Amino acid sequence: MDPLYLFDLASRQTQWASVRQATITGNIANANTPGYQARDVEPFSAVMNQTRLTMQKTSEGHIDVPFAGAQTTKNGTKDSWEVTASGNSVNLDQEMLKAAEVNKAFTLNTNIVRSFHRMMMTSVRNT
């Protein structure tokens, strides 16, 4: 049986989400620290673009699709919504939205892995 990379990918995405969650909680913890600048991590899509994954041909009849070289772009706007008089750029509303995004990523990841695991167990039972 060929190796399944979905579980490795899910593990990497979970690690990324954990780092982002820790960064967000650090921002929230320093919301009243004068001069503290809010931080964030690189988006997971940018991390994946750097790994240069390619499609695998399992049969000679399959069409060969070269890597498209997807690039991520950053908009020119500042990431934080506001900077206070003390120089602190943490906005609690923005951090809570980021925390909700991380929660959504964890939930999606868990559901995909659970479904894939269920599918694998069903195929093993039927053989």
C-alpha atoms as a PDB file:
ATOM      1  CA  MET A   1       0.000   0.000   0.000  1.00  0.00           C
ATOM      2  CA  ASP A   2       1.315   3.457  -0.888  1.00  0.00           C
ATOM      3  CA  PRO A   3       1.881   5.924   1.959  1.00  0.00           C
ATOM      4  CA  LEU A   4      -0.954   8.291   2.780  1.00  0.00           C
ATOM      5  CA  TYR A   5       0.174  11.862   3.189  1.00  0.00           C
ATOM      6  CA  LEU A   6      -3.171  13.219   4.355  1.00  0.00           C
ATOM      7  CA  PHE A   7      -2.432  12.419   7.993  1.00  0.00           C
ATOM      8  CA  ASP A   8       0.990  14.104   7.756  1.00  0.00           C
ATOM      9  CA  LEU A   9      -0.594  17.160   6.149  1.00  0.00           C
ATOM     10  CA  ALA A  10      -3.271  17.274   8.841  1.00  0.00           C
ATOM     11  CA  SER A  11      -0.587  17.021  11.519  1.00  0.00           C
ATOM     12  CA  ARG A  12       1.349  19.922  10.006  1.00  0.00           C
ATOM     13  CA  GLN A  13      -1.786  22.024   9.779  1.00  0.00           C
ATOM     14  CA  THR A  14      -2.565  21.262  13.423  1.00  0.00           C
ATOM     15  CA  GLN A  15       0.956  22.312  14.442  1.00  0.00           C
ATOM     16  CA  TRP A  16       0.552  25.551  12.472  1.00  0.00           C
ATOM     17  CA  ALA A  17      -2.820  26.239  14.110  1.00  0.00           C
ATOM     18  CA  SER A  18      -1.286  25.610  17.556  1.00  0.00           C
ATOM     19  CA  VAL A  19       1.476  28.130  16.880  1.00  0.00           C
ATOM     20  CA  ARG A  20      -1.041  30.679  15.620  1.00  0.00           C
ATOM     21  CA  GLN A  21      -3.259  30.131  18.658  1.00  0.00           C
ATOM     22  CA  ALA A  22      -0.279  30.669  20.989  1.00  0.00           C
ATOM     23  CA  THR A  23       0.611  33.861  19.102  1.00  0.00           C
ATOM     24  CA  ILE A  24      -2.939  35.163  19.410  1.00  0.00           C
ATOM     25  CA  THR A  25      -3.074  34.422  23.131  1.00  0.00           C
ATOM     26  CA  GLY A  26       0.268  36.227  23.530  1.00  0.00           C
ATOM     27  CA  ASN A  27      -1.232  39.249  21.785  1.00  0.00           C
ATOM     28  CA  ILE A  28      -4.255  39.178  24.078  1.00  0.00           C
ATOM     29  CA  ALA A  29      -2.058  38.806  27.160  1.00  0.00           C
ATOM     30  CA  ASN A  30      -0.091  41.904  26.127  1.00  0.00           C
ATOM     31  CA  ALA A  31      -3.112  44.001  25.187  1.00  0.00           C
ATOM     32  CA  ASN A  32      -2.245  46.583  27.886  1.00  0.00           C
ATOM     33  CA  THR A  33       1.542  46.520  27.459  1.00  0.00           C
ATOM     34  CA  PRO A  34       2.765  49.917  26.193  1.00  0.00           C
ATOM     35  CA  GLY A  35       4.566  49.686  22.859  1.00  0.00           C
ATOM     36  CA  TYR A  36       3.670  46.031  22.234  1.00  0.00           C
ATOM     37  CA  GLN A  37       3.129  45.249  18.548  1.00  0.00           C
ATOM     38  CA  ALA A  38       0.577  42.572  17.680  1.00  0.00           C
ATOM     39  CA  ARG A  39       2.055  39.499  15.981  1.00  0.00           C
ATOM     40  CA  ASP A  40       0.690  36.866  13.642  1.00  0.00           C
ATOM     41  CA  VAL A  41       2.087  33.840  11.833  1.00  0.00           C
ATOM     42  CA  GLU A  42       2.435  33.225   8.120  1.00  0.00           C
ATOM     43  CA  PRO A  43      -0.788  31.814   6.600  1.00  0.00           C
ATOM     44  CA  PHE A  44      -0.849  28.020   6.195  1.00  0.00           C
ATOM     45  CA  SER A  45      -1.447  28.426   2.457  1.00  0.00           C
ATOM     46  CA  ALA A  46       1.899  30.253   2.181  1.00  0.00           C
ATOM     47  CA  VAL A  47       3.584  27.455   4.123  1.00  0.00           C
ATOM     48  CA  MET A  48       2.083  24.904   1.735  1.00  0.00           C
ATOM     49  CA  ASN A  49       3.169  26.915  -1.321  1.00  0.00           C
ATOM     50  CA  GLN A  50       6.767  26.716  -0.089  1.00  0.00           C
ATOM     51  CA  THR A  51       6.677  22.899   0.096  1.00  0.00           C
ATOM     52  CA  ARG A  52       6.113  22.582  -3.663  1.00  0.00           C
ATOM     53  CA  LEU A  53       3.785  19.596  -3.585  1.00  0.00           C
ATOM     54  CA  THR A  54       3.062  18.072  -6.983  1.00  0.00           C
ATOM     55  CA  MET A  55       0.361  15.786  -8.269  1.00  0.00           C
ATOM     56  CA  GLN A  56       1.261  12.095  -8.378  1.00  0.00           C
ATOM     57  CA  LYS A  57       0.667  10.128 -11.599  1.00  0.00           C
ATOM     58  CA  THR A  58      -0.560   6.659 -10.727  1.00  0.00           C
ATOM     59  CA  SER A  59      -1.104   5.590 -14.322  1.00  0.00           C
ATOM     60  CA  GLU A  60       0.518   6.464 -17.656  1.00  0.00           C
ATOM     61  CA  GLY A  61      -2.919   7.427 -18.962  1.00  0.00           C
ATOM     62  CA  HIS A  62      -3.228  10.284 -16.471  1.00  0.00           C
ATOM     63  CA  ILE A  63      -2.582  13.827 -17.618  1.00  0.00           C
ATOM     64  CA  ASP A  64       0.675  15.325 -16.356  1.00  0.00           C
ATOM     65  CA  VAL A  65      -0.048  18.651 -14.672  1.00  0.00           C
ATOM     66  CA  PRO A  66       3.107  20.659 -13.897  1.00  0.00           C
ATOM     67  CA  PHE A  67       3.274  22.703 -10.706  1.00  0.00           C
ATOM     68  CA  ALA A  68       1.476  25.975 -11.293  1.00  0.00           C
ATOM     69  CA  GLY A  69       3.708  27.942  -8.933  1.00  0.00           C
ATOM     70  CA  ALA A  70       0.958  29.520  -6.881  1.00  0.00           C
ATOM     71  CA  GLN A  71       2.075  32.632  -5.079  1.00  0.00           C
ATOM     72  CA  THR A  72       0.629  34.393  -2.096  1.00  0.00           C
ATOM     73  CA  THR A  73       0.316  38.134  -2.072  1.00  0.00           C
ATOM     74  CA  LYS A  74       0.042  40.553   0.780  1.00  0.00           C
ATOM     75  CA  ASN A  75      -2.197  43.535   0.575  1.00  0.00           C
ATOM     76  CA  GLY A  76      -0.569  46.840   1.351  1.00  0.00           C
ATOM     77  CA  THR A  77      -2.742  47.593   4.366  1.00  0.00           C
ATOM     78  CA  LYS A  78      -1.481  47.376   7.907  1.00  0.00           C
ATOM     79  CA  ASP A  79      -2.504  44.145   9.642  1.00  0.00           C
ATOM     80  CA  SER A  80      -3.680  45.810  12.844  1.00  0.00           C
ATOM     81  CA  TRP A  81      -6.831  47.882  12.945  1.00  0.00           C
ATOM     82  CA  GLU A  82      -5.541  50.581  15.264  1.00  0.00           C
ATOM     83  CA  VAL A  83      -2.600  51.730  17.350  1.00  0.00           C
ATOM     84  CA  THR A  84      -3.290  53.259  20.747  1.00  0.00           C
ATOM     85  CA  ALA A  85      -1.574  56.309  22.216  1.00  0.00           C
ATOM     86  CA  SER A  86       0.756  53.992  24.167  1.00  0.00           C
ATOM     87  CA  GLY A  87       1.969  52.465  20.880  1.00  0.00           C
ATOM     88  CA  ASN A  88       0.171  49.166  21.481  1.00  0.00           C
ATOM     89  CA  SER A  89      -1.328  47.718  18.289  1.00  0.00           C
ATOM     90  CA  VAL A  90      -3.370  44.888  19.827  1.00  0.00           C
ATOM     91  CA  ASN A  91      -7.078  45.090  19.040  1.00  0.00           C
ATOM     92  CA  LEU A  92      -9.051  42.570  21.100  1.00  0.00           C
ATOM     93  CA  ASP A  93     -11.872  42.357  18.555  1.00  0.00           C
ATOM     94  CA  GLN A  94      -9.398  41.510  15.807  1.00  0.00           C
ATOM     95  CA  GLU A  95      -7.648  38.931  18.001  1.00  0.00           C
ATOM     96  CA  MET A  96     -10.976  37.277  18.807  1.00  0.00           C
ATOM     97  CA  LEU A  97     -11.722  37.021  15.072  1.00  0.00           C
ATOM     98  CA  LYS A  98      -8.322  35.392  14.559  1.00  0.00           C
ATOM     99  CA  ALA A  99      -9.049  32.976  17.425  1.00  0.00           C
ATOM    100  CA  ALA A 100     -12.336  32.042  15.729  1.00  0.00           C
ATOM    101  CA  GLU A 101     -10.416  31.356  12.487  1.00  0.00           C
ATOM    102  CA  VAL A 102      -8.051  29.030  14.362  1.00  0.00           C
ATOM    103  CA  ASN A 103     -11.001  27.252  15.974  1.00  0.00           C
ATOM    104  CA  LYS A 104     -12.545  26.802  12.527  1.00  0.00           C
ATOM    105  CA  ALA A 105      -9.238  25.388  11.194  1.00  0.00           C
ATOM    106  CA  PHE A 106      -9.001  22.899  14.086  1.00  0.00           C
ATOM    107  CA  THR A 107     -12.609  21.792  13.578  1.00  0.00           C
ATOM    108  CA  LEU A 108     -12.227  21.358   9.817  1.00  0.00           C
ATOM    109  CA  ASN A 109      -8.971  19.456  10.257  1.00  0.00           C
ATOM    110  CA  THR A 110     -10.503  17.129  12.842  1.00  0.00           C
ATOM    111  CA  ASN A 111     -13.551  16.441  10.689  1.00  0.00           C
ATOM    112  CA  ILE A 112     -11.450  15.665   7.607  1.00  0.00           C
ATOM    113  CA  VAL A 113      -9.154  13.299   9.514  1.00  0.00           C
ATOM    114  CA  ARG A 114     -12.119  11.607  11.188  1.00  0.00           C
ATOM    115  CA  SER A 115     -13.861  11.074   7.835  1.00  0.00           C
ATOM    116  CA  PHE A 116     -10.716   9.808   6.156  1.00  0.00           C
ATOM    117  CA  HIS A 117     -10.012   7.462   9.069  1.00  0.00           C
ATOM    118  CA  ARG A 118     -13.579   6.137   8.902  1.00  0.00           C
ATOM    119  CA  MET A 119     -13.185   5.572   5.148  1.00  0.00           C
ATOM    120  CA  MET A 120      -9.885   3.719   5.669  1.00  0.00           C
ATOM    121  CA  MET A 121     -11.366   1.513   8.399  1.00  0.00           C
ATOM    122  CA  THR A 122     -14.359   0.693   6.190  1.00  0.00           C
ATOM    123  CA  SER A 123     -12.104  -0.308   3.297  1.00  0.00           C
ATOM    124  CA  VAL A 124      -9.975  -2.508   5.577  1.00  0.00           C
ATOM    125  CA  ARG A 125     -13.037  -4.265   6.997  1.00  0.00           C
ATOM    126  CA  ASN A 126     -14.407  -4.967   3.510  1.00  0.00           C
ATOM    127  CA  THR A 127     -11.235  -6.619   2.201  1.00  0.00           C
END
